[in-house]
């Protein structure tokens, strides 16, 4: 997803207006524990909880690969686990960033 520093046009003055226009768009939510949830934006409540449908959640899991003889330490390899959900509620208190594709932003907001 291409995301840039784009400011909304003057006719979109409130964040609520922007979020309303983004309903039905694909968004990527980055959570404070490193998970990434990508899905179709359905709604946002007053606590900034996001409701998404057709969600793909990706999280990093480390797997033990053995011991490194040279450094006497354990070797871990990063792997990614993916799960698909029909709907998911992403708590606002755990959101770090919400991204929208640049072409979607330009089409719906500007």
PDB file of N, CA and C in Angstrom:
ATOM      1  N   UNK A   1       0.838  -1.174   0.000  1.00  0.00           N
ATOM      2  CA  UNK A   1       0.000   0.000   0.000  1.00  0.00           C
ATOM      3  C   UNK A   1       0.884   1.239   0.000  1.00  0.00           C
ATOM      4  N   UNK A   2       0.636   2.104  -0.948  1.00  0.00           N
ATOM      5  CA  UNK A   2       1.374   3.348  -1.027  1.00  0.00           C
ATOM      6  C   UNK A   2       0.677   4.391  -0.187  1.00  0.00           C
ATOM      7  N   UNK A   3       1.405   4.897   0.797  1.00  0.00           N
ATOM      8  CA  UNK A   3       0.843   5.907   1.678  1.00  0.00           C
ATOM      9  C   UNK A   3       1.802   7.079   1.718  1.00  0.00           C
ATOM     10  N   UNK A   4       1.284   8.258   1.555  1.00  0.00           N
ATOM     11  CA  UNK A   4       2.117   9.446   1.600  1.00  0.00           C
ATOM     12  C   UNK A   4       1.535  10.470   2.540  1.00  0.00           C
ATOM     13  N   UNK A   5       2.224  11.562   2.711  1.00  0.00           N
ATOM     14  CA  UNK A   5       1.724  12.652   3.537  1.00  0.00           C
ATOM     15  C   UNK A   5       0.810  13.507   2.671  1.00  0.00           C
ATOM     16  N   UNK A   6      -0.456  13.161   2.680  1.00  0.00           N
ATOM     17  CA  UNK A   6      -1.442  13.848   1.851  1.00  0.00           C
ATOM     18  C   UNK A   6      -2.455  14.507   2.768  1.00  0.00           C
ATOM     19  N   UNK A   7      -2.696  15.783   2.565  1.00  0.00           N
ATOM     20  CA  UNK A   7      -3.710  16.455   3.373  1.00  0.00           C
ATOM     21  C   UNK A   7      -5.008  16.508   2.587  1.00  0.00           C
ATOM     22  N   UNK A   8      -6.133  16.384   3.280  1.00  0.00           N
ATOM     23  CA  UNK A   8      -7.413  16.392   2.577  1.00  0.00           C
ATOM     24  C   UNK A   8      -7.718  17.747   1.955  1.00  0.00           C
ATOM     25  N   UNK A   9      -8.562  17.731   0.951  1.00  0.00           N
ATOM     26  CA  UNK A   9      -8.954  18.977   0.305  1.00  0.00           C
ATOM     27  C   UNK A   9      -9.786  19.819   1.270  1.00  0.00           C
ATOM     28  N   UNK A  10      -9.922  21.125   1.023  1.00  0.00           N
ATOM     29  CA  UNK A  10     -10.620  22.018   1.953  1.00  0.00           C
ATOM     30  C   UNK A  10     -12.075  21.639   2.232  1.00  0.00           C
ATOM     31  N   UNK A  11     -12.738  20.947   1.283  1.00  0.00           N
ATOM     32  CA  UNK A  11     -14.138  20.609   1.520  1.00  0.00           C
ATOM     33  C   UNK A  11     -14.299  19.474   2.538  1.00  0.00           C
ATOM     34  N   UNK A  12     -13.216  18.764   2.858  1.00  0.00           N
ATOM     35  CA  UNK A  12     -13.260  17.743   3.901  1.00  0.00           C
ATOM     36  C   UNK A  12     -12.586  18.343   5.132  1.00  0.00           C
ATOM     37  N   UNK A  13     -13.400  18.809   6.070  1.00  0.00           N
ATOM     38  CA  UNK A  13     -12.839  19.549   7.197  1.00  0.00           C
ATOM     39  C   UNK A  13     -12.746  18.742   8.476  1.00  0.00           C
ATOM     40  N   UNK A  14     -13.512  17.681   8.623  1.00  0.00           N
ATOM     41  CA  UNK A  14     -13.510  16.927   9.859  1.00  0.00           C
ATOM     42  C   UNK A  14     -13.037  15.502   9.617  1.00  0.00           C
ATOM     43  N   UNK A  15     -12.336  14.952  10.611  1.00  0.00           N
ATOM     44  CA  UNK A  15     -11.860  13.576  10.505  1.00  0.00           C
ATOM     45  C   UNK A  15     -13.016  12.610  10.325  1.00  0.00           C
ATOM     46  N   UNK A  16     -14.141  12.910  10.945  1.00  0.00           N
ATOM     47  CA  UNK A  16     -15.317  12.059  10.798  1.00  0.00           C
ATOM     48  C   UNK A  16     -15.794  11.979   9.369  1.00  0.00           C
ATOM     49  N   UNK A  17     -15.696  13.110   8.639  1.00  0.00           N
ATOM     50  CA  UNK A  17     -16.077  13.114   7.225  1.00  0.00           C
ATOM     51  C   UNK A  17     -15.153  12.210   6.418  1.00  0.00           C
ATOM     52  N   UNK A  18     -13.869  12.266   6.724  1.00  0.00           N
ATOM     53  CA  UNK A  18     -12.896  11.431   6.029  1.00  0.00           C
ATOM     54  C   UNK A  18     -13.202   9.963   6.287  1.00  0.00           C
ATOM     55  N   UNK A  19     -13.418   9.608   7.550  1.00  0.00           N
ATOM     56  CA  UNK A  19     -13.679   8.215   7.890  1.00  0.00           C
ATOM     57  C   UNK A  19     -14.976   7.721   7.252  1.00  0.00           C
ATOM     58  N   UNK A  20     -15.982   8.559   7.199  1.00  0.00           N
ATOM     59  CA  UNK A  20     -17.242   8.185   6.560  1.00  0.00           C
ATOM     60  C   UNK A  20     -17.026   7.885   5.082  1.00  0.00           C
ATOM     61  N   UNK A  21     -16.212   8.688   4.416  1.00  0.00           N
ATOM     62  CA  UNK A  21     -15.941   8.475   3.000  1.00  0.00           C
ATOM     63  C   UNK A  21     -15.115   7.210   2.757  1.00  0.00           C
ATOM     64  N   UNK A  22     -14.374   6.767   3.771  1.00  0.00           N
ATOM     65  CA  UNK A  22     -13.528   5.579   3.612  1.00  0.00           C
ATOM     66  C   UNK A  22     -14.266   4.273   3.906  1.00  0.00           C
ATOM     67  N   UNK A  23     -15.517   4.334   4.335  1.00  0.00           N
ATOM     68  CA  UNK A  23     -16.275   3.108   4.603  1.00  0.00           C
ATOM     69  C   UNK A  23     -16.342   2.290   3.320  1.00  0.00           C
ATOM     70  N   UNK A  24     -16.036   1.013   3.424  1.00  0.00           N
ATOM     71  CA  UNK A  24     -16.012   0.118   2.270  1.00  0.00           C
ATOM     72  C   UNK A  24     -14.655   0.000   1.608  1.00  0.00           C
ATOM     73  N   UNK A  25     -13.670   0.756   2.094  1.00  0.00           N
ATOM     74  CA  UNK A  25     -12.319   0.720   1.522  1.00  0.00           C
ATOM     75  C   UNK A  25     -11.450  -0.302   2.265  1.00  0.00           C
ATOM     76  N   UNK A  26     -10.434  -0.807   1.571  1.00  0.00           N
ATOM     77  CA  UNK A  26      -9.467  -1.695   2.207  1.00  0.00           C
ATOM     78  C   UNK A  26      -8.495  -0.838   3.014  1.00  0.00           C
ATOM     79  N   UNK A  27      -8.275  -1.226   4.266  1.00  0.00           N
ATOM     80  CA  UNK A  27      -7.332  -0.523   5.137  1.00  0.00           C
ATOM     81  C   UNK A  27      -6.388  -1.530   5.777  1.00  0.00           C
ATOM     82  N   UNK A  28      -5.215  -1.059   6.153  1.00  0.00           N
ATOM     83  CA  UNK A  28      -4.230  -1.863   6.868  1.00  0.00           C
ATOM     84  C   UNK A  28      -4.040  -1.248   8.245  1.00  0.00           C
ATOM     85  N   UNK A  29      -4.274  -2.040   9.281  1.00  0.00           N
ATOM     86  CA  UNK A  29      -4.151  -1.585  10.664  1.00  0.00           C
ATOM     87  C   UNK A  29      -2.919  -2.217  11.288  1.00  0.00           C
ATOM     88  N   UNK A  30      -2.035  -1.400  11.819  1.00  0.00           N
ATOM     89  CA  UNK A  30      -0.847  -1.894  12.499  1.00  0.00           C
ATOM     90  C   UNK A  30      -1.091  -1.744  13.988  1.00  0.00           C
ATOM     91  N   UNK A  31      -0.952  -2.853  14.713  1.00  0.00           N
ATOM     92  CA  UNK A  31      -1.223  -2.875  16.151  1.00  0.00           C
ATOM     93  C   UNK A  31       0.068  -2.773  16.953  1.00  0.00           C
ATOM     94  N   UNK A  32      -0.065  -2.404  18.224  1.00  0.00           N
ATOM     95  CA  UNK A  32       1.104  -2.184  19.063  1.00  0.00           C
ATOM     96  C   UNK A  32       1.901  -3.453  19.368  1.00  0.00           C
ATOM     97  N   UNK A  33       1.343  -4.635  19.133  1.00  0.00           N
ATOM     98  CA  UNK A  33       2.089  -5.879  19.357  1.00  0.00           C
ATOM     99  C   UNK A  33       2.728  -6.418  18.082  1.00  0.00           C
ATOM    100  N   UNK A  34       2.674  -5.636  16.997  1.00  0.00           N
ATOM    101  CA  UNK A  34       3.330  -6.017  15.756  1.00  0.00           C
ATOM    102  C   UNK A  34       2.426  -6.685  14.743  1.00  0.00           C
ATOM    103  N   UNK A  35       1.219  -7.036  15.122  1.00  0.00           N
ATOM    104  CA  UNK A  35       0.298  -7.652  14.169  1.00  0.00           C
ATOM    105  C   UNK A  35      -0.171  -6.621  13.144  1.00  0.00           C
ATOM    106  N   UNK A  36      -0.515  -7.116  11.969  1.00  0.00           N
ATOM    107  CA  UNK A  36      -1.053  -6.272  10.911  1.00  0.00           C
ATOM    108  C   UNK A  36      -2.357  -6.910  10.453  1.00  0.00           C
ATOM    109  N   UNK A  37      -3.436  -6.153  10.514  1.00  0.00           N
ATOM    110  CA  UNK A  37      -4.744  -6.631  10.078  1.00  0.00           C
ATOM    111  C   UNK A  37      -5.177  -5.805   8.870  1.00  0.00           C
ATOM    112  N   UNK A  38      -5.455  -6.493   7.770  1.00  0.00           N
ATOM    113  CA  UNK A  38      -5.895  -5.823   6.548  1.00  0.00           C
ATOM    114  C   UNK A  38      -7.305  -6.296   6.232  1.00  0.00           C
ATOM    115  N   UNK A  39      -8.215  -5.354   6.028  1.00  0.00           N
ATOM    116  CA  UNK A  39      -9.596  -5.721   5.742  1.00  0.00           C
ATOM    117  C   UNK A  39     -10.393  -4.544   5.227  1.00  0.00           C
ATOM    118  N   UNK A  40     -11.666  -4.802   4.988  1.00  0.00           N
ATOM    119  CA  UNK A  40     -12.575  -3.764   4.507  1.00  0.00           C
ATOM    120  C   UNK A  40     -13.154  -3.011   5.694  1.00  0.00           C
ATOM    121  N   UNK A  41     -12.990  -1.702   5.690  1.00  0.00           N
ATOM    122  CA  UNK A  41     -13.424  -0.841   6.791  1.00  0.00           C
ATOM    123  C   UNK A  41     -14.944  -0.747   6.806  1.00  0.00           C
ATOM    124  N   UNK A  42     -15.548  -1.121   7.962  1.00  0.00           N
ATOM    125  CA  UNK A  42     -17.004  -1.064   8.105  1.00  0.00           C
ATOM    126  C   UNK A  42     -17.467   0.086   8.981  1.00  0.00           C
ATOM    127  N   UNK A  43     -16.853   0.242  10.152  1.00  0.00           N
ATOM    128  CA  UNK A  43     -17.274   1.337  11.031  1.00  0.00           C
ATOM    129  C   UNK A  43     -16.209   1.648  12.071  1.00  0.00           C
ATOM    130  N   UNK A  44     -16.401   2.787  12.716  1.00  0.00           N
ATOM    131  CA  UNK A  44     -15.517   3.293  13.758  1.00  0.00           C
ATOM    132  C   UNK A  44     -16.397   3.822  14.872  1.00  0.00           C
ATOM    133  N   UNK A  45     -16.112   3.423  16.119  1.00  0.00           N
ATOM    134  CA  UNK A  45     -16.925   3.927  17.226  1.00  0.00           C
ATOM    135  C   UNK A  45     -16.209   5.070  17.946  1.00  0.00           C
ATOM    136  N   UNK A  46     -16.830   5.590  18.981  1.00  0.00           N
ATOM    137  CA  UNK A  46     -16.262   6.754  19.680  1.00  0.00           C
ATOM    138  C   UNK A  46     -14.972   6.429  20.433  1.00  0.00           C
ATOM    139  N   UNK A  47     -14.691   5.143  20.671  1.00  0.00           N
ATOM    140  CA  UNK A  47     -13.453   4.726  21.327  1.00  0.00           C
ATOM    141  C   UNK A  47     -12.353   4.402  20.321  1.00  0.00           C
ATOM    142  N   UNK A  48     -12.606   4.703  19.053  1.00  0.00           N
ATOM    143  CA  UNK A  48     -11.696   4.470  17.940  1.00  0.00           C
ATOM    144  C   UNK A  48     -11.477   2.988  17.659  1.00  0.00           C
ATOM    145  N   UNK A  49     -12.439   2.147  18.043  1.00  0.00           N
ATOM    146  CA  UNK A  49     -12.389   0.741  17.670  1.00  0.00           C
ATOM    147  C   UNK A  49     -12.833   0.634  16.222  1.00  0.00           C
ATOM    148  N   UNK A  50     -12.082  -0.118  15.438  1.00  0.00           N
ATOM    149  CA  UNK A  50     -12.400  -0.305  14.026  1.00  0.00           C
ATOM    150  C   UNK A  50     -13.038  -1.668  13.819  1.00  0.00           C
ATOM    151  N   UNK A  51     -14.068  -1.731  13.012  1.00  0.00           N
ATOM    152  CA  UNK A  51     -14.675  -2.993  12.630  1.00  0.00           C
ATOM    153  C   UNK A  51     -14.330  -3.238  11.173  1.00  0.00           C
ATOM    154  N   UNK A  52     -13.716  -4.403  10.916  1.00  0.00           N
ATOM    155  CA  UNK A  52     -13.294  -4.769   9.576  1.00  0.00           C
ATOM    156  C   UNK A  52     -13.951  -6.080   9.173  1.00  0.00           C
ATOM    157  N   UNK A  53     -14.162  -6.276   7.864  1.00  0.00           N
ATOM    158  CA  UNK A  53     -14.619  -7.582   7.377  1.00  0.00           C
ATOM    159  C   UNK A  53     -13.618  -8.091   6.341  1.00  0.00           C
ATOM    160  N   UNK A  54     -13.691  -9.390   6.069  1.00  0.00           N
ATOM    161  CA  UNK A  54     -12.756 -10.057   5.150  1.00  0.00           C
ATOM    162  C   UNK A  54     -11.315  -9.743   5.542  1.00  0.00           C
ATOM    163  N   UNK A  55     -10.968 -10.075   6.772  1.00  0.00           N
ATOM    164  CA  UNK A  55      -9.709  -9.670   7.384  1.00  0.00           C
ATOM    165  C   UNK A  55      -8.630 -10.732   7.202  1.00  0.00           C
ATOM    166  N   UNK A  56      -7.421 -10.267   6.924  1.00  0.00           N
ATOM    167  CA  UNK A  56      -6.231 -11.114   6.940  1.00  0.00           C
ATOM    168  C   UNK A  56      -5.324 -10.536   8.008  1.00  0.00           C
ATOM    169  N   UNK A  57      -5.037 -11.352   9.013  1.00  0.00           N
ATOM    170  CA  UNK A  57      -4.160 -10.924  10.105  1.00  0.00           C
ATOM    171  C   UNK A  57      -2.820 -11.624   9.946  1.00  0.00           C
ATOM    172  N   UNK A  58      -1.738 -10.858  10.004  1.00  0.00           N
ATOM    173  CA  UNK A  58      -0.394 -11.401   9.883  1.00  0.00           C
ATOM    174  C   UNK A  58       0.371 -11.029  11.148  1.00  0.00           C
ATOM    175  N   UNK A  59       1.047 -12.038  11.712  1.00  0.00           N
ATOM    176  CA  UNK A  59       1.876 -11.772  12.884  1.00  0.00           C
ATOM    177  C   UNK A  59       3.196 -12.513  12.736  1.00  0.00           C
ATOM    178  N   UNK A  60       4.234 -11.947  13.336  1.00  0.00           N
ATOM    179  CA  UNK A  60       5.551 -12.551  13.266  1.00  0.00           C
ATOM    180  C   UNK A  60       5.705 -13.533  14.414  1.00  0.00           C
ATOM    181  N   UNK A  61       6.163 -14.729  14.101  1.00  0.00           N
ATOM    182  CA  UNK A  61       6.470 -15.732  15.115  1.00  0.00           C
ATOM    183  C   UNK A  61       7.906 -16.172  14.906  1.00  0.00           C
ATOM    184  N   UNK A  62       8.620 -16.344  15.990  1.00  0.00           N
ATOM    185  CA  UNK A  62      10.009 -16.779  15.909  1.00  0.00           C
ATOM    186  C   UNK A  62      10.075 -18.273  16.195  1.00  0.00           C
ATOM    187  N   UNK A  63      10.834 -18.971  15.408  1.00  0.00           N
ATOM    188  CA  UNK A  63      11.007 -20.399  15.645  1.00  0.00           C
ATOM    189  C   UNK A  63      12.468 -20.680  15.954  1.00  0.00           C
ATOM    190  N   UNK A  64      12.684 -21.573  16.892  1.00  0.00           N
ATOM    191  CA  UNK A  64      14.030 -21.945  17.323  1.00  0.00           C
ATOM    192  C   UNK A  64      14.677 -22.807  16.248  1.00  0.00           C
ATOM    193  N   UNK A  65      15.873 -22.397  15.789  1.00  0.00           N
ATOM    194  CA  UNK A  65      16.563 -23.125  14.727  1.00  0.00           C
ATOM    195  C   UNK A  65      17.746 -23.938  15.251  1.00  0.00           C
ATOM    196  N   UNK A  66      18.112 -23.739  16.508  1.00  0.00           N
ATOM    197  CA  UNK A  66      19.255 -24.466  17.066  1.00  0.00           C
ATOM    198  C   UNK A  66      20.223 -23.503  17.720  1.00  0.00           C
ATOM    199  N   UNK A  67      21.370 -24.041  18.079  1.00  0.00           N
ATOM    200  CA  UNK A  67      22.402 -23.217  18.718  1.00  0.00           C
ATOM    201  C   UNK A  67      23.459 -22.835  17.709  1.00  0.00           C
ATOM    202  N   UNK A  68      23.949 -21.626  17.858  1.00  0.00           N
ATOM    203  CA  UNK A  68      25.046 -21.145  17.043  1.00  0.00           C
ATOM    204  C   UNK A  68      26.326 -21.446  17.798  1.00  0.00           C
ATOM    205  N   UNK A  69      27.158 -22.319  17.254  1.00  0.00           N
ATOM    206  CA  UNK A  69      28.388 -22.734  17.935  1.00  0.00           C
ATOM    207  C   UNK A  69      29.378 -21.582  18.065  1.00  0.00           C
ATOM    208  N   UNK A  70      29.417 -20.687  17.094  1.00  0.00           N
ATOM    209  CA  UNK A  70      30.393 -19.597  17.110  1.00  0.00           C
ATOM    210  C   UNK A  70      30.109 -18.589  18.211  1.00  0.00           C
ATOM    211  N   UNK A  71      28.846 -18.266  18.454  1.00  0.00           N
ATOM    212  CA  UNK A  71      28.531 -17.228  19.434  1.00  0.00           C
ATOM    213  C   UNK A  71      27.906 -17.787  20.711  1.00  0.00           C
ATOM    214  N   UNK A  72      27.769 -19.100  20.806  1.00  0.00           N
ATOM    215  CA  UNK A  72      27.168 -19.751  21.975  1.00  0.00           C
ATOM    216  C   UNK A  72      25.776 -19.213  22.287  1.00  0.00           C
ATOM    217  N   UNK A  73      25.032 -18.837  21.275  1.00  0.00           N
ATOM    218  CA  UNK A  73      23.681 -18.321  21.472  1.00  0.00           C
ATOM    219  C   UNK A  73      22.682 -19.092  20.625  1.00  0.00           C
ATOM    220  N   UNK A  74      21.435 -18.911  20.954  1.00  0.00           N
ATOM    221  CA  UNK A  74      20.378 -19.573  20.205  1.00  0.00           C
ATOM    222  C   UNK A  74      20.111 -18.816  18.913  1.00  0.00           C
ATOM    223  N   UNK A  75      19.716 -19.531  17.885  1.00  0.00           N
ATOM    224  CA  UNK A  75      19.407 -18.942  16.593  1.00  0.00           C
ATOM    225  C   UNK A  75      17.898 -19.064  16.364  1.00  0.00           C
ATOM    226  N   UNK A  76      17.267 -17.934  16.079  1.00  0.00           N
ATOM    227  CA  UNK A  76      15.834 -17.905  15.805  1.00  0.00           C
ATOM    228  C   UNK A  76      15.615 -17.401  14.393  1.00  0.00           C
ATOM    229  N   UNK A  77      14.644 -17.958  13.735  1.00  0.00           N
ATOM    230  CA  UNK A  77      14.289 -17.505  12.395  1.00  0.00           C
ATOM    231  C   UNK A  77      12.885 -16.930  12.446  1.00  0.00           C
ATOM    232  N   UNK A  78      12.711 -15.745  11.859  1.00  0.00           N
ATOM    233  CA  UNK A  78      11.394 -15.118  11.848  1.00  0.00           C
ATOM    234  C   UNK A  78      10.516 -15.768  10.787  1.00  0.00           C
ATOM    235  N   UNK A  79       9.329 -16.129  11.191  1.00  0.00           N
ATOM    236  CA  UNK A  79       8.324 -16.655  10.287  1.00  0.00           C
ATOM    237  C   UNK A  79       7.065 -15.835  10.495  1.00  0.00           C
ATOM    238  N   UNK A  80       6.179 -15.893   9.530  1.00  0.00           N
ATOM    239  CA  UNK A  80       4.945 -15.127   9.623  1.00  0.00           C
ATOM    240  C   UNK A  80       3.745 -16.073   9.578  1.00  0.00           C
ATOM    241  N   UNK A  81       2.854 -15.896  10.532  1.00  0.00           N
ATOM    242  CA  UNK A  81       1.623 -16.678  10.584  1.00  0.00           C
ATOM    243  C   UNK A  81       0.486 -15.800  10.093  1.00  0.00           C
ATOM    244  N   UNK A  82      -0.354 -16.379   9.262  1.00  0.00           N
ATOM    245  CA  UNK A  82      -1.473 -15.636   8.691  1.00  0.00           C
ATOM    246  C   UNK A  82      -2.766 -16.355   9.033  1.00  0.00           C
ATOM    247  N   UNK A  83      -3.777 -15.581   9.376  1.00  0.00           N
ATOM    248  CA  UNK A  83      -5.099 -16.173   9.557  1.00  0.00           C
ATOM    249  C   UNK A  83      -6.136 -15.263   8.927  1.00  0.00           C
ATOM    250  N   UNK A  84      -7.186 -15.897   8.452  1.00  0.00           N
ATOM    251  CA  UNK A  84      -8.268 -15.173   7.790  1.00  0.00           C
ATOM    252  C   UNK A  84      -9.494 -15.180   8.693  1.00  0.00           C
ATOM    253  N   UNK A  85     -10.132 -14.025   8.795  1.00  0.00           N
ATOM    254  CA  UNK A  85     -11.306 -13.858   9.644  1.00  0.00           C
ATOM    255  C   UNK A  85     -12.409 -13.206   8.826  1.00  0.00           C
ATOM    256  N   UNK A  86     -13.646 -13.604   9.077  1.00  0.00           N
ATOM    257  CA  UNK A  86     -14.742 -12.967   8.358  1.00  0.00           C
ATOM    258  C   UNK A  86     -14.944 -11.538   8.859  1.00  0.00           C
ATOM    259  N   UNK A  87     -14.837 -11.338  10.186  1.00  0.00           N
ATOM    260  CA  UNK A  87     -14.901  -9.996  10.771  1.00  0.00           C
ATOM    261  C   UNK A  87     -13.945  -9.910  11.951  1.00  0.00           C
ATOM    262  N   UNK A  88     -13.494  -8.701  12.212  1.00  0.00           N
ATOM    263  CA  UNK A  88     -12.626  -8.471  13.367  1.00  0.00           C
ATOM    264  C   UNK A  88     -12.839  -7.060  13.883  1.00  0.00           C
ATOM    265  N   UNK A  89     -12.783  -6.933  15.193  1.00  0.00           N
ATOM    266  CA  UNK A  89     -12.834  -5.620  15.832  1.00  0.00           C
ATOM    267  C   UNK A  89     -11.417  -5.325  16.320  1.00  0.00           C
ATOM    268  N   UNK A  90     -10.859  -4.232  15.846  1.00  0.00           N
ATOM    269  CA  UNK A  90      -9.514  -3.835  16.231  1.00  0.00           C
ATOM    270  C   UNK A  90      -9.652  -2.755  17.295  1.00  0.00           C
ATOM    271  N   UNK A  91      -9.211  -3.043  18.535  1.00  0.00           N
ATOM    272  CA  UNK A  91      -9.349  -2.051  19.612  1.00  0.00           C
ATOM    273  C   UNK A  91      -8.537  -0.786  19.334  1.00  0.00           C
ATOM    274  N   UNK A  92      -9.174   0.354  19.496  1.00  0.00           N
ATOM    275  CA  UNK A  92      -8.507   1.632  19.260  1.00  0.00           C
ATOM    276  C   UNK A  92      -7.296   1.855  20.137  1.00  0.00           C
ATOM    277  N   UNK A  93      -7.322   1.328  21.352  1.00  0.00           N
ATOM    278  CA  UNK A  93      -6.184   1.538  22.265  1.00  0.00           C
ATOM    279  C   UNK A  93      -4.944   0.777  21.814  1.00  0.00           C
ATOM    280  N   UNK A  94      -5.092  -0.184  20.909  1.00  0.00           N
ATOM    281  CA  UNK A  94      -3.948  -0.949  20.410  1.00  0.00           C
ATOM    282  C   UNK A  94      -3.520  -0.533  19.006  1.00  0.00           C
ATOM    283  N   UNK A  95      -4.235   0.408  18.391  1.00  0.00           N
ATOM    284  CA  UNK A  95      -3.886   0.868  17.049  1.00  0.00           C
ATOM    285  C   UNK A  95      -2.667   1.778  17.080  1.00  0.00           C
ATOM    286  N   UNK A  96      -1.735   1.504  16.204  1.00  0.00           N
ATOM    287  CA  UNK A  96      -0.572   2.372  16.040  1.00  0.00           C
ATOM    288  C   UNK A  96      -0.756   3.225  14.785  1.00  0.00           C
ATOM    289  N   UNK A  97      -1.236   2.572  13.707  1.00  0.00           N
ATOM    290  CA  UNK A  97      -1.374   3.277  12.440  1.00  0.00           C
ATOM    291  C   UNK A  97      -2.460   2.600  11.603  1.00  0.00           C
ATOM    292  N   UNK A  98      -3.187   3.406  10.845  1.00  0.00           N
ATOM    293  CA  UNK A  98      -4.147   2.898   9.866  1.00  0.00           C
ATOM    294  C   UNK A  98      -3.729   3.467   8.519  1.00  0.00           C
ATOM    295  N   UNK A  99      -3.549   2.574   7.541  1.00  0.00           N
ATOM    296  CA  UNK A  99      -3.094   2.993   6.219  1.00  0.00           C
ATOM    297  C   UNK A  99      -4.160   2.706   5.172  1.00  0.00           C
ATOM    298  N   UNK A 100      -4.207   3.563   4.167  1.00  0.00           N
ATOM    299  CA  UNK A 100      -5.101   3.422   3.024  1.00  0.00           C
ATOM    300  C   UNK A 100      -4.248   3.570   1.778  1.00  0.00           C
ATOM    301  N   UNK A 101      -4.557   2.805   0.750  1.00  0.00           N
ATOM    302  CA  UNK A 101      -3.813   2.944  -0.500  1.00  0.00           C
ATOM    303  C   UNK A 101      -3.963   4.364  -1.044  1.00  0.00           C
ATOM    304  N   UNK A 102      -2.901   4.847  -1.646  1.00  0.00           N
ATOM    305  CA  UNK A 102      -2.900   6.212  -2.174  1.00  0.00           C
ATOM    306  C   UNK A 102      -3.992   6.417  -3.219  1.00  0.00           C
ATOM    307  N   UNK A 103      -4.176   5.440  -4.115  1.00  0.00           N
ATOM    308  CA  UNK A 103      -5.190   5.599  -5.165  1.00  0.00           C
ATOM    309  C   UNK A 103      -6.595   5.624  -4.564  1.00  0.00           C
ATOM    310  N   UNK A 104      -6.825   4.874  -3.487  1.00  0.00           N
ATOM    311  CA  UNK A 104      -8.123   4.906  -2.805  1.00  0.00           C
ATOM    312  C   UNK A 104      -8.335   6.266  -2.162  1.00  0.00           C
ATOM    313  N   UNK A 105      -7.301   6.796  -1.522  1.00  0.00           N
ATOM    314  CA  UNK A 105      -7.379   8.114  -0.883  1.00  0.00           C
ATOM    315  C   UNK A 105      -7.722   9.180  -1.921  1.00  0.00           C
ATOM    316  N   UNK A 106      -6.998   9.145  -3.033  1.00  0.00           N
ATOM    317  CA  UNK A 106      -7.216  10.158  -4.068  1.00  0.00           C
ATOM    318  C   UNK A 106      -8.623  10.051  -4.667  1.00  0.00           C
ATOM    319  N   UNK A 107      -9.125   8.839  -4.816  1.00  0.00           N
ATOM    320  CA  UNK A 107     -10.439   8.633  -5.417  1.00  0.00           C
ATOM    321  C   UNK A 107     -11.575   9.061  -4.486  1.00  0.00           C
ATOM    322  N   UNK A 108     -11.466   8.731  -3.194  1.00  0.00           N
ATOM    323  CA  UNK A 108     -12.576   8.963  -2.274  1.00  0.00           C
ATOM    324  C   UNK A 108     -12.505  10.276  -1.505  1.00  0.00           C
ATOM    325  N   UNK A 109     -11.310  10.794  -1.266  1.00  0.00           N
ATOM    326  CA  UNK A 109     -11.158  11.970  -0.414  1.00  0.00           C
ATOM    327  C   UNK A 109     -10.908  13.245  -1.220  1.00  0.00           C
ATOM    328  N   UNK A 110     -10.046  13.163  -2.184  1.00  0.00           N
ATOM    329  CA  UNK A 110      -9.696  14.391  -2.916  1.00  0.00           C
ATOM    330  C   UNK A 110     -10.680  14.723  -3.992  1.00  0.00           C
TER     331      UNK A 110
END
